[in-house]
């Protein structure tokens, strides 16, 4: 991984102004790339450069077509 700050899910959610659930969904679907250092216990970490790439590409809608959430 290239150097730089690693962001937590709550930090990304706050910057993008979406819910933490939405950020985790993007991570699970591969829309946003991150790692889980230490496994699921420590949660996701998203490189700051990855968030910049994601934002430049355009943030997907919070609930896209075909979303099977309630």
C-alpha atoms as a PDB file:
ATOM      1  CA  UNK A   1       0.000   0.000   0.000  1.00  0.00           C
ATOM      2  CA  UNK A   2       1.250   3.470  -0.847  1.00  0.00           C
ATOM      3  CA  UNK A   3       2.030   5.677   2.148  1.00  0.00           C
ATOM      4  CA  UNK A   4      -0.577   8.029   3.467  1.00  0.00           C
ATOM      5  CA  UNK A   5      -3.180   8.287   6.139  1.00  0.00           C
ATOM      6  CA  UNK A   6      -5.661   5.468   6.692  1.00  0.00           C
ATOM      7  CA  UNK A   7      -9.220   6.560   7.399  1.00  0.00           C
ATOM      8  CA  UNK A   8     -11.858   4.718   9.397  1.00  0.00           C
ATOM      9  CA  UNK A   9     -15.408   4.091   8.198  1.00  0.00           C
ATOM     10  CA  UNK A  10     -16.804   6.871  10.450  1.00  0.00           C
ATOM     11  CA  UNK A  11     -14.228   9.343   9.083  1.00  0.00           C
ATOM     12  CA  UNK A  12     -15.122   8.510   5.473  1.00  0.00           C
ATOM     13  CA  UNK A  13     -18.862   8.692   6.231  1.00  0.00           C
ATOM     14  CA  UNK A  14     -18.429  12.140   7.776  1.00  0.00           C
ATOM     15  CA  UNK A  15     -16.379  13.461   4.838  1.00  0.00           C
ATOM     16  CA  UNK A  16     -18.801  12.146   2.221  1.00  0.00           C
ATOM     17  CA  UNK A  17     -21.892  12.876   4.342  1.00  0.00           C
ATOM     18  CA  UNK A  18     -23.419   9.435   4.124  1.00  0.00           C
ATOM     19  CA  UNK A  19     -24.118   6.783   6.740  1.00  0.00           C
ATOM     20  CA  UNK A  20     -21.450   4.390   7.983  1.00  0.00           C
ATOM     21  CA  UNK A  21     -23.629   1.574   6.640  1.00  0.00           C
ATOM     22  CA  UNK A  22     -23.363   3.079   3.138  1.00  0.00           C
ATOM     23  CA  UNK A  23     -19.549   3.255   3.355  1.00  0.00           C
ATOM     24  CA  UNK A  24     -19.400  -0.392   4.471  1.00  0.00           C
ATOM     25  CA  UNK A  25     -21.719  -1.344   1.603  1.00  0.00           C
ATOM     26  CA  UNK A  26     -19.429   0.415  -0.911  1.00  0.00           C
ATOM     27  CA  UNK A  27     -16.470  -1.476   0.578  1.00  0.00           C
ATOM     28  CA  UNK A  28     -18.252  -4.865   0.413  1.00  0.00           C
ATOM     29  CA  UNK A  29     -19.315  -4.239  -3.203  1.00  0.00           C
ATOM     30  CA  UNK A  30     -15.830  -3.094  -4.232  1.00  0.00           C
ATOM     31  CA  UNK A  31     -16.876   0.440  -5.172  1.00  0.00           C
ATOM     32  CA  UNK A  32     -14.497   1.797  -2.523  1.00  0.00           C
ATOM     33  CA  UNK A  33     -11.260  -0.043  -1.773  1.00  0.00           C
ATOM     34  CA  UNK A  34     -10.014  -0.641   1.735  1.00  0.00           C
ATOM     35  CA  UNK A  35      -8.336  -3.190   3.954  1.00  0.00           C
ATOM     36  CA  UNK A  36      -9.131  -4.906   7.219  1.00  0.00           C
ATOM     37  CA  UNK A  37      -5.838  -4.946   9.118  1.00  0.00           C
ATOM     38  CA  UNK A  38      -6.237  -7.379  11.972  1.00  0.00           C
ATOM     39  CA  UNK A  39      -9.378  -8.912  10.479  1.00  0.00           C
ATOM     40  CA  UNK A  40     -12.983  -7.938  11.097  1.00  0.00           C
ATOM     41  CA  UNK A  41     -12.388  -7.031  14.738  1.00  0.00           C
ATOM     42  CA  UNK A  42     -10.567  -3.793  13.898  1.00  0.00           C
ATOM     43  CA  UNK A  43     -12.826  -2.850  11.006  1.00  0.00           C
ATOM     44  CA  UNK A  44     -12.043  -1.285   7.658  1.00  0.00           C
ATOM     45  CA  UNK A  45      -9.267   1.194   6.871  1.00  0.00           C
ATOM     46  CA  UNK A  46      -9.444   3.261   3.693  1.00  0.00           C
ATOM     47  CA  UNK A  47      -6.335   4.985   2.300  1.00  0.00           C
ATOM     48  CA  UNK A  48      -6.905   8.729   1.945  1.00  0.00           C
ATOM     49  CA  UNK A  49      -5.741   8.521  -1.698  1.00  0.00           C
ATOM     50  CA  UNK A  50      -8.427   5.900  -2.373  1.00  0.00           C
ATOM     51  CA  UNK A  51     -11.110   8.207  -1.003  1.00  0.00           C
ATOM     52  CA  UNK A  52      -9.824  10.995  -3.276  1.00  0.00           C
ATOM     53  CA  UNK A  53      -9.985   8.619  -6.283  1.00  0.00           C
ATOM     54  CA  UNK A  54     -13.491   7.540  -5.301  1.00  0.00           C
ATOM     55  CA  UNK A  55     -14.693  11.137  -4.999  1.00  0.00           C
ATOM     56  CA  UNK A  56     -13.130  12.156  -8.321  1.00  0.00           C
ATOM     57  CA  UNK A  57     -14.907   9.241 -10.006  1.00  0.00           C
ATOM     58  CA  UNK A  58     -18.223  10.456  -8.586  1.00  0.00           C
ATOM     59  CA  UNK A  59     -19.956   9.238  -5.448  1.00  0.00           C
ATOM     60  CA  UNK A  60     -22.661   6.671  -6.264  1.00  0.00           C
ATOM     61  CA  UNK A  61     -26.149   7.290  -4.914  1.00  0.00           C
ATOM     62  CA  UNK A  62     -26.707   6.077  -1.357  1.00  0.00           C
ATOM     63  CA  UNK A  63     -29.346   3.589  -2.504  1.00  0.00           C
ATOM     64  CA  UNK A  64     -28.777   2.512  -6.095  1.00  0.00           C
ATOM     65  CA  UNK A  65     -31.028   0.574  -8.390  1.00  0.00           C
ATOM     66  CA  UNK A  66     -31.183  -3.077  -7.492  1.00  0.00           C
ATOM     67  CA  UNK A  67     -30.305  -2.393  -3.866  1.00  0.00           C
ATOM     68  CA  UNK A  68     -31.988  -5.057  -1.782  1.00  0.00           C
ATOM     69  CA  UNK A  69     -31.904  -3.165   1.518  1.00  0.00           C
ATOM     70  CA  UNK A  70     -35.135  -2.435   3.327  1.00  0.00           C
END
